[in-house]
């Protein structure tokens, strides 16, 4: 694939920075470094991010204990450990 005279390699990957997500004192997954719970879309019509479900901590994002696996999986960019 050519872009502005530059050849793009199929193996070229941009660094994927991620931030940890913690729940009940342990890391359960991660989100992209640009994660913002106020603007991040849900991948499910059954779940919408609400204020207070995530708080920024020293090591990453802290998810409330009320968020279940389905809620977390609905968050765009969330990955389980």
N, C-alpha and C. Protein backbone atom coordinates (compact mmCIF):
# COMPACT_ATOMS: atom_id res chain seq x y z
N UNK A 1 0.84 -1.16 0.00
CA UNK A 1 0.00 0.00 0.00
C UNK A 1 0.90 1.24 0.00
N UNK A 2 0.62 2.18 -0.87
CA UNK A 2 1.42 3.40 -0.97
C UNK A 2 0.69 4.58 -0.33
N UNK A 3 1.39 5.33 0.49
CA UNK A 3 0.86 6.57 1.07
C UNK A 3 1.91 7.64 0.91
N UNK A 4 1.62 8.65 0.14
CA UNK A 4 2.53 9.78 -0.06
C UNK A 4 3.93 9.33 -0.41
N UNK A 5 4.04 8.32 -1.22
CA UNK A 5 5.34 7.85 -1.63
C UNK A 5 6.03 6.95 -0.62
N UNK A 6 5.37 6.62 0.48
CA UNK A 6 5.97 5.74 1.49
C UNK A 6 5.33 4.37 1.41
N UNK A 7 6.13 3.36 1.55
CA UNK A 7 5.65 1.99 1.54
C UNK A 7 5.27 1.59 2.96
N UNK A 8 4.06 1.10 3.14
CA UNK A 8 3.62 0.65 4.46
C UNK A 8 3.84 -0.85 4.58
N UNK A 9 4.60 -1.26 5.57
CA UNK A 9 4.88 -2.67 5.79
C UNK A 9 3.69 -3.33 6.48
N UNK A 10 3.42 -4.57 6.12
CA UNK A 10 2.33 -5.31 6.76
C UNK A 10 2.66 -5.63 8.21
N UNK A 11 3.92 -5.59 8.58
CA UNK A 11 4.30 -5.92 9.95
C UNK A 11 4.44 -4.70 10.85
N UNK A 12 4.26 -3.52 10.30
CA UNK A 12 4.37 -2.31 11.09
C UNK A 12 3.19 -2.21 12.04
N UNK A 13 3.48 -2.03 13.34
CA UNK A 13 2.43 -1.88 14.33
C UNK A 13 2.71 -0.66 15.18
N UNK A 14 1.67 0.10 15.42
CA UNK A 14 1.82 1.23 16.32
C UNK A 14 1.82 0.72 17.75
N UNK A 15 2.57 1.37 18.63
CA UNK A 15 2.56 0.93 20.03
C UNK A 15 1.16 1.06 20.62
N UNK A 16 0.76 0.05 21.34
CA UNK A 16 -0.58 0.06 21.93
C UNK A 16 -0.45 0.26 23.43
N UNK A 17 -0.58 1.51 23.86
CA UNK A 17 -0.48 1.81 25.28
C UNK A 17 -1.82 1.53 25.93
N UNK A 18 -1.77 0.88 27.09
CA UNK A 18 -2.98 0.51 27.80
C UNK A 18 -2.82 0.87 29.27
N UNK A 19 -3.94 1.06 29.92
CA UNK A 19 -3.98 1.41 31.34
C UNK A 19 -4.77 0.32 32.05
N UNK A 20 -4.29 -0.10 33.20
CA UNK A 20 -4.95 -1.16 33.95
C UNK A 20 -6.31 -0.77 34.48
N UNK A 21 -7.20 -1.76 34.57
CA UNK A 21 -8.51 -1.59 35.20
C UNK A 21 -8.53 -2.51 36.42
N UNK A 22 -8.86 -1.93 37.56
CA UNK A 22 -8.85 -2.65 38.83
C UNK A 22 -10.26 -2.72 39.40
N UNK A 23 -10.56 -3.85 40.04
CA UNK A 23 -11.85 -4.02 40.69
C UNK A 23 -11.63 -4.87 41.93
N UNK A 24 -12.14 -4.42 43.05
CA UNK A 24 -11.99 -5.14 44.32
C UNK A 24 -10.53 -5.40 44.66
N UNK A 25 -9.65 -4.45 44.34
CA UNK A 25 -8.25 -4.53 44.71
C UNK A 25 -7.35 -5.33 43.80
N UNK A 26 -7.86 -5.86 42.69
CA UNK A 26 -6.99 -6.61 41.77
C UNK A 26 -7.23 -6.17 40.34
N UNK A 27 -6.17 -6.30 39.53
CA UNK A 27 -6.29 -5.91 38.13
C UNK A 27 -7.06 -6.98 37.38
N UNK A 28 -8.07 -6.53 36.64
CA UNK A 28 -8.91 -7.47 35.90
C UNK A 28 -8.78 -7.32 34.40
N UNK A 29 -8.23 -6.18 33.95
CA UNK A 29 -8.12 -5.95 32.52
C UNK A 29 -7.43 -4.63 32.25
N UNK A 30 -7.66 -4.12 31.03
CA UNK A 30 -7.05 -2.84 30.64
C UNK A 30 -7.92 -2.15 29.61
N UNK A 31 -7.68 -0.86 29.49
CA UNK A 31 -8.37 -0.02 28.49
C UNK A 31 -7.31 0.80 27.77
N UNK A 32 -7.64 1.36 26.60
CA UNK A 32 -6.67 2.21 25.91
C UNK A 32 -6.26 3.41 26.78
N UNK A 33 -5.08 3.92 26.54
CA UNK A 33 -4.55 5.04 27.33
C UNK A 33 -5.45 6.27 27.23
N UNK A 34 -6.19 6.41 26.14
CA UNK A 34 -7.07 7.58 25.97
C UNK A 34 -8.49 7.32 26.48
N UNK A 35 -8.69 6.27 27.27
CA UNK A 35 -10.02 5.94 27.81
C UNK A 35 -10.55 7.10 28.66
N UNK A 36 -11.78 7.47 28.40
CA UNK A 36 -12.47 8.50 29.18
C UNK A 36 -13.89 7.98 29.41
N UNK A 37 -14.24 7.63 30.64
CA UNK A 37 -15.57 7.04 30.88
C UNK A 37 -16.72 7.98 30.53
N UNK A 38 -16.47 9.27 30.41
CA UNK A 38 -17.53 10.21 30.05
C UNK A 38 -17.86 10.17 28.57
N UNK A 39 -16.91 9.73 27.74
CA UNK A 39 -17.14 9.78 26.29
C UNK A 39 -16.97 8.44 25.59
N UNK A 40 -16.50 7.42 26.29
CA UNK A 40 -16.27 6.12 25.66
C UNK A 40 -17.61 5.45 25.35
N UNK A 41 -17.79 4.99 24.12
CA UNK A 41 -19.07 4.37 23.75
C UNK A 41 -19.18 2.94 24.28
N UNK A 42 -20.40 2.52 24.41
CA UNK A 42 -20.69 1.13 24.77
C UNK A 42 -20.86 0.33 23.49
N UNK A 43 -20.47 -0.93 23.53
CA UNK A 43 -20.66 -1.81 22.38
C UNK A 43 -22.01 -2.52 22.46
N UNK A 44 -22.78 -2.26 23.51
CA UNK A 44 -24.05 -2.93 23.73
C UNK A 44 -25.16 -1.91 23.99
N UNK A 45 -26.34 -2.19 23.46
CA UNK A 45 -27.49 -1.33 23.75
C UNK A 45 -28.01 -1.59 25.16
N UNK A 46 -27.56 -2.68 25.78
CA UNK A 46 -28.01 -3.03 27.12
C UNK A 46 -27.21 -2.37 28.24
N UNK A 47 -26.11 -1.69 27.88
CA UNK A 47 -25.28 -1.07 28.90
C UNK A 47 -24.82 0.31 28.44
N UNK A 48 -24.92 1.28 29.35
CA UNK A 48 -24.43 2.65 29.11
C UNK A 48 -23.58 3.03 30.31
N UNK A 49 -22.37 3.53 30.07
CA UNK A 49 -21.51 3.97 31.16
C UNK A 49 -22.18 5.10 31.93
N UNK A 50 -22.17 4.98 33.26
CA UNK A 50 -22.77 6.01 34.11
C UNK A 50 -21.70 6.67 34.95
N UNK A 51 -21.98 7.92 35.36
CA UNK A 51 -21.06 8.64 36.23
C UNK A 51 -20.78 7.84 37.49
N UNK A 52 -19.51 7.83 37.89
CA UNK A 52 -19.13 7.17 39.13
C UNK A 52 -18.76 5.71 39.01
N UNK A 53 -18.94 5.09 37.83
CA UNK A 53 -18.59 3.67 37.68
C UNK A 53 -17.09 3.46 37.54
N UNK A 54 -16.37 4.50 37.18
CA UNK A 54 -14.92 4.45 37.08
C UNK A 54 -14.32 5.65 37.78
N UNK A 55 -13.24 5.42 38.50
CA UNK A 55 -12.48 6.51 39.14
C UNK A 55 -11.03 6.30 38.77
N UNK A 56 -10.31 7.39 38.57
CA UNK A 56 -8.90 7.29 38.22
C UNK A 56 -8.10 7.12 39.50
N UNK A 57 -7.30 6.07 39.57
CA UNK A 57 -6.43 5.81 40.71
C UNK A 57 -4.99 5.98 40.31
N UNK A 58 -4.08 5.77 41.26
CA UNK A 58 -2.65 5.94 41.00
C UNK A 58 -2.13 4.94 39.96
N UNK A 59 -2.67 3.73 39.95
CA UNK A 59 -2.17 2.69 39.04
C UNK A 59 -3.01 2.52 37.78
N UNK A 60 -4.19 3.11 37.76
CA UNK A 60 -5.06 2.95 36.59
C UNK A 60 -6.48 3.32 36.94
N UNK A 61 -7.43 2.72 36.23
CA UNK A 61 -8.84 2.98 36.46
C UNK A 61 -9.39 1.98 37.47
N UNK A 62 -10.22 2.47 38.38
CA UNK A 62 -10.86 1.62 39.38
C UNK A 62 -12.33 1.51 39.01
N UNK A 63 -12.76 0.29 38.75
CA UNK A 63 -14.16 0.03 38.39
C UNK A 63 -14.94 -0.34 39.65
N UNK A 64 -16.17 0.13 39.75
CA UNK A 64 -16.99 -0.20 40.91
C UNK A 64 -17.30 -1.70 40.91
N UNK A 65 -17.55 -2.22 42.09
CA UNK A 65 -17.85 -3.65 42.24
C UNK A 65 -19.18 -4.02 41.58
N UNK A 66 -20.03 -3.02 41.33
CA UNK A 66 -21.33 -3.31 40.72
C UNK A 66 -21.24 -3.63 39.23
N UNK A 67 -20.09 -3.37 38.60
CA UNK A 67 -19.92 -3.69 37.17
C UNK A 67 -19.65 -5.18 37.02
N UNK A 68 -20.51 -5.85 36.28
CA UNK A 68 -20.33 -7.27 36.03
C UNK A 68 -19.54 -7.52 34.76
N UNK A 69 -19.25 -8.79 34.48
CA UNK A 69 -18.48 -9.12 33.28
C UNK A 69 -19.10 -8.61 31.99
N UNK A 70 -20.41 -8.70 31.86
CA UNK A 70 -21.07 -8.22 30.65
C UNK A 70 -20.96 -6.71 30.49
N UNK A 71 -21.03 -5.99 31.62
CA UNK A 71 -20.87 -4.54 31.57
C UNK A 71 -19.47 -4.18 31.09
N UNK A 72 -18.47 -4.82 31.66
CA UNK A 72 -17.08 -4.53 31.30
C UNK A 72 -16.80 -4.87 29.84
N UNK A 73 -17.32 -5.98 29.38
CA UNK A 73 -17.12 -6.39 27.98
C UNK A 73 -17.80 -5.44 27.00
N UNK A 74 -18.82 -4.72 27.46
CA UNK A 74 -19.53 -3.77 26.60
C UNK A 74 -18.76 -2.46 26.42
N UNK A 75 -17.74 -2.24 27.23
CA UNK A 75 -16.96 -1.00 27.14
C UNK A 75 -15.99 -1.11 25.97
N UNK A 76 -16.11 -0.19 25.04
CA UNK A 76 -15.23 -0.19 23.87
C UNK A 76 -13.77 -0.10 24.29
N UNK A 77 -12.96 -1.04 23.85
CA UNK A 77 -11.53 -1.03 24.14
C UNK A 77 -11.12 -1.83 25.36
N UNK A 78 -12.08 -2.31 26.16
CA UNK A 78 -11.73 -3.09 27.35
C UNK A 78 -11.21 -4.47 26.95
N UNK A 79 -10.15 -4.91 27.60
CA UNK A 79 -9.59 -6.25 27.38
C UNK A 79 -9.35 -6.91 28.73
N UNK A 80 -9.78 -8.14 28.86
CA UNK A 80 -9.51 -8.92 30.07
C UNK A 80 -8.05 -9.31 30.12
N UNK A 81 -7.53 -9.51 31.32
CA UNK A 81 -6.15 -10.00 31.47
C UNK A 81 -6.06 -11.41 30.97
